[in-house]
Amino acid sequence: MTRIKDAINMVLWKYKDKVSEFTLVISDRFLVNAEIPFDKIERVDNYYIYLTDGETVIPIHRVLEIRRNGRTIWSRK
């Protein structure tokens, strides 16, 4: 099984010209699930996802799935 960090990095690097096709679905404390477009992701490390706004940091354990054009291509089992 591919680690979420590796899956996110693959999208950011391998599909860098098509990141607008991808969405990250996360578990949110206030919303049931939140969707984040991949073009809002600046980088990822072993513990966090950093967004391009320079302020938002999301713990990587909150990621539920990655979607491409609405279809799930990775999900936490």
C-alpha atoms as a PDB file:
ATOM      1  CA  MET A   1       0.000   0.000   0.000  1.00  0.00           C
ATOM      2  CA  THR A   2       1.293   3.433  -0.915  1.00  0.00           C
ATOM      3  CA  ARG A   3       1.834   5.862   1.949  1.00  0.00           C
ATOM      4  CA  ILE A   4      -0.258   9.021   1.721  1.00  0.00           C
ATOM      5  CA  LYS A   5       2.846  11.219   1.657  1.00  0.00           C
ATOM      6  CA  ASP A   6       4.154   9.313  -1.360  1.00  0.00           C
ATOM      7  CA  ALA A   7       0.775   9.454  -3.114  1.00  0.00           C
ATOM      8  CA  ILE A   8       0.512  13.236  -2.619  1.00  0.00           C
ATOM      9  CA  ASN A   9       4.086  13.777  -3.806  1.00  0.00           C
ATOM     10  CA  MET A  10       3.443  11.608  -6.871  1.00  0.00           C
ATOM     11  CA  VAL A  11       0.507  13.817  -7.854  1.00  0.00           C
ATOM     12  CA  LEU A  12       2.465  17.017  -7.176  1.00  0.00           C
ATOM     13  CA  TRP A  13       5.475  15.925  -9.242  1.00  0.00           C
ATOM     14  CA  LYS A  14       4.274  13.414 -11.843  1.00  0.00           C
ATOM     15  CA  TYR A  15       1.068  15.270 -12.688  1.00  0.00           C
ATOM     16  CA  LYS A  16       2.270  18.824 -11.984  1.00  0.00           C
ATOM     17  CA  ASP A  17       0.695  20.062 -15.225  1.00  0.00           C
ATOM     18  CA  LYS A  18      -2.645  18.460 -14.306  1.00  0.00           C
ATOM     19  CA  VAL A  19      -2.928  19.092 -10.537  1.00  0.00           C
ATOM     20  CA  SER A  20      -6.227  20.889 -11.113  1.00  0.00           C
ATOM     21  CA  GLU A  21      -7.750  17.450 -11.806  1.00  0.00           C
ATOM     22  CA  PHE A  22      -6.952  16.241  -8.266  1.00  0.00           C
ATOM     23  CA  THR A  23      -8.640  16.821  -4.914  1.00  0.00           C
ATOM     24  CA  LEU A  24      -7.581  15.849  -1.405  1.00  0.00           C
ATOM     25  CA  VAL A  25     -10.413  14.776   0.922  1.00  0.00           C
ATOM     26  CA  ILE A  26      -9.716  15.297   4.612  1.00  0.00           C
ATOM     27  CA  SER A  27     -11.537  14.705   7.860  1.00  0.00           C
ATOM     28  CA  ASP A  28     -12.355  18.076   9.388  1.00  0.00           C
ATOM     29  CA  ARG A  29     -13.298  18.840  12.990  1.00  0.00           C
ATOM     30  CA  PHE A  30     -16.069  21.223  11.976  1.00  0.00           C
ATOM     31  CA  LEU A  31     -17.152  19.762   8.630  1.00  0.00           C
ATOM     32  CA  VAL A  32     -17.790  16.100   7.984  1.00  0.00           C
ATOM     33  CA  ASN A  33     -15.276  16.026   5.115  1.00  0.00           C
ATOM     34  CA  ALA A  34     -13.482  18.861   3.392  1.00  0.00           C
ATOM     35  CA  GLU A  35     -12.086  18.886  -0.132  1.00  0.00           C
ATOM     36  CA  ILE A  36      -8.862  20.694  -0.946  1.00  0.00           C
ATOM     37  CA  PRO A  37      -7.801  21.222  -4.563  1.00  0.00           C
ATOM     38  CA  PHE A  38      -4.257  20.024  -5.197  1.00  0.00           C
ATOM     39  CA  ASP A  39      -3.276  23.379  -6.657  1.00  0.00           C
ATOM     40  CA  LYS A  40      -3.621  24.770  -3.098  1.00  0.00           C
ATOM     41  CA  ILE A  41      -0.973  22.341  -1.757  1.00  0.00           C
ATOM     42  CA  GLU A  42       2.530  23.773  -1.513  1.00  0.00           C
ATOM     43  CA  ARG A  43       4.356  20.776  -0.051  1.00  0.00           C
ATOM     44  CA  VAL A  44       4.070  17.740   2.202  1.00  0.00           C
ATOM     45  CA  ASP A  45       6.387  16.188   4.781  1.00  0.00           C
ATOM     46  CA  ASN A  46       6.068  13.114   7.017  1.00  0.00           C
ATOM     47  CA  TYR A  47       3.524  14.758   9.326  1.00  0.00           C
ATOM     48  CA  TYR A  48       1.867  17.757   7.646  1.00  0.00           C
ATOM     49  CA  ILE A  49       0.486  19.177   4.419  1.00  0.00           C
ATOM     50  CA  TYR A  50       1.285  22.852   3.869  1.00  0.00           C
ATOM     51  CA  LEU A  51      -1.063  24.976   1.783  1.00  0.00           C
ATOM     52  CA  THR A  52      -0.085  27.858  -0.478  1.00  0.00           C
ATOM     53  CA  ASP A  53      -1.764  30.468   1.748  1.00  0.00           C
ATOM     54  CA  GLY A  54       1.292  30.297   4.020  1.00  0.00           C
ATOM     55  CA  GLU A  55      -0.831  29.740   7.134  1.00  0.00           C
ATOM     56  CA  THR A  56      -2.763  26.502   6.828  1.00  0.00           C
ATOM     57  CA  VAL A  57      -1.087  23.284   7.964  1.00  0.00           C
ATOM     58  CA  ILE A  58      -3.050  20.013   7.906  1.00  0.00           C
ATOM     59  CA  PRO A  59      -1.956  16.919   9.833  1.00  0.00           C
ATOM     60  CA  ILE A  60      -1.374  14.136   7.344  1.00  0.00           C
ATOM     61  CA  HIS A  61      -3.413  11.638   9.423  1.00  0.00           C
ATOM     62  CA  ARG A  62      -6.572  13.577   8.479  1.00  0.00           C
ATOM     63  CA  VAL A  63      -6.327  12.590   4.803  1.00  0.00           C
ATOM     64  CA  LEU A  64      -9.102  10.209   3.787  1.00  0.00           C
ATOM     65  CA  GLU A  65      -8.641   9.969   0.021  1.00  0.00           C
ATOM     66  CA  ILE A  66      -7.306  11.444  -3.196  1.00  0.00           C
ATOM     67  CA  ARG A  67      -9.677  11.964  -6.113  1.00  0.00           C
ATOM     68  CA  ARG A  68      -8.997  12.627  -9.767  1.00  0.00           C
ATOM     69  CA  ASN A  69     -11.906  14.169 -11.652  1.00  0.00           C
ATOM     70  CA  GLY A  70     -14.236  12.951  -8.898  1.00  0.00           C
ATOM     71  CA  ARG A  71     -13.022   9.331  -8.918  1.00  0.00           C
ATOM     72  CA  THR A  72     -11.139   7.936  -5.937  1.00  0.00           C
ATOM     73  CA  ILE A  73      -7.580   6.895  -6.817  1.00  0.00           C
ATOM     74  CA  TRP A  74      -6.272   6.457  -3.242  1.00  0.00           C
ATOM     75  CA  SER A  75      -8.100   5.929   0.031  1.00  0.00           C
ATOM     76  CA  ARG A  76      -7.225   5.128   3.594  1.00  0.00           C
ATOM     77  CA  LYS A  77      -8.384   1.635   4.409  1.00  0.00           C
END
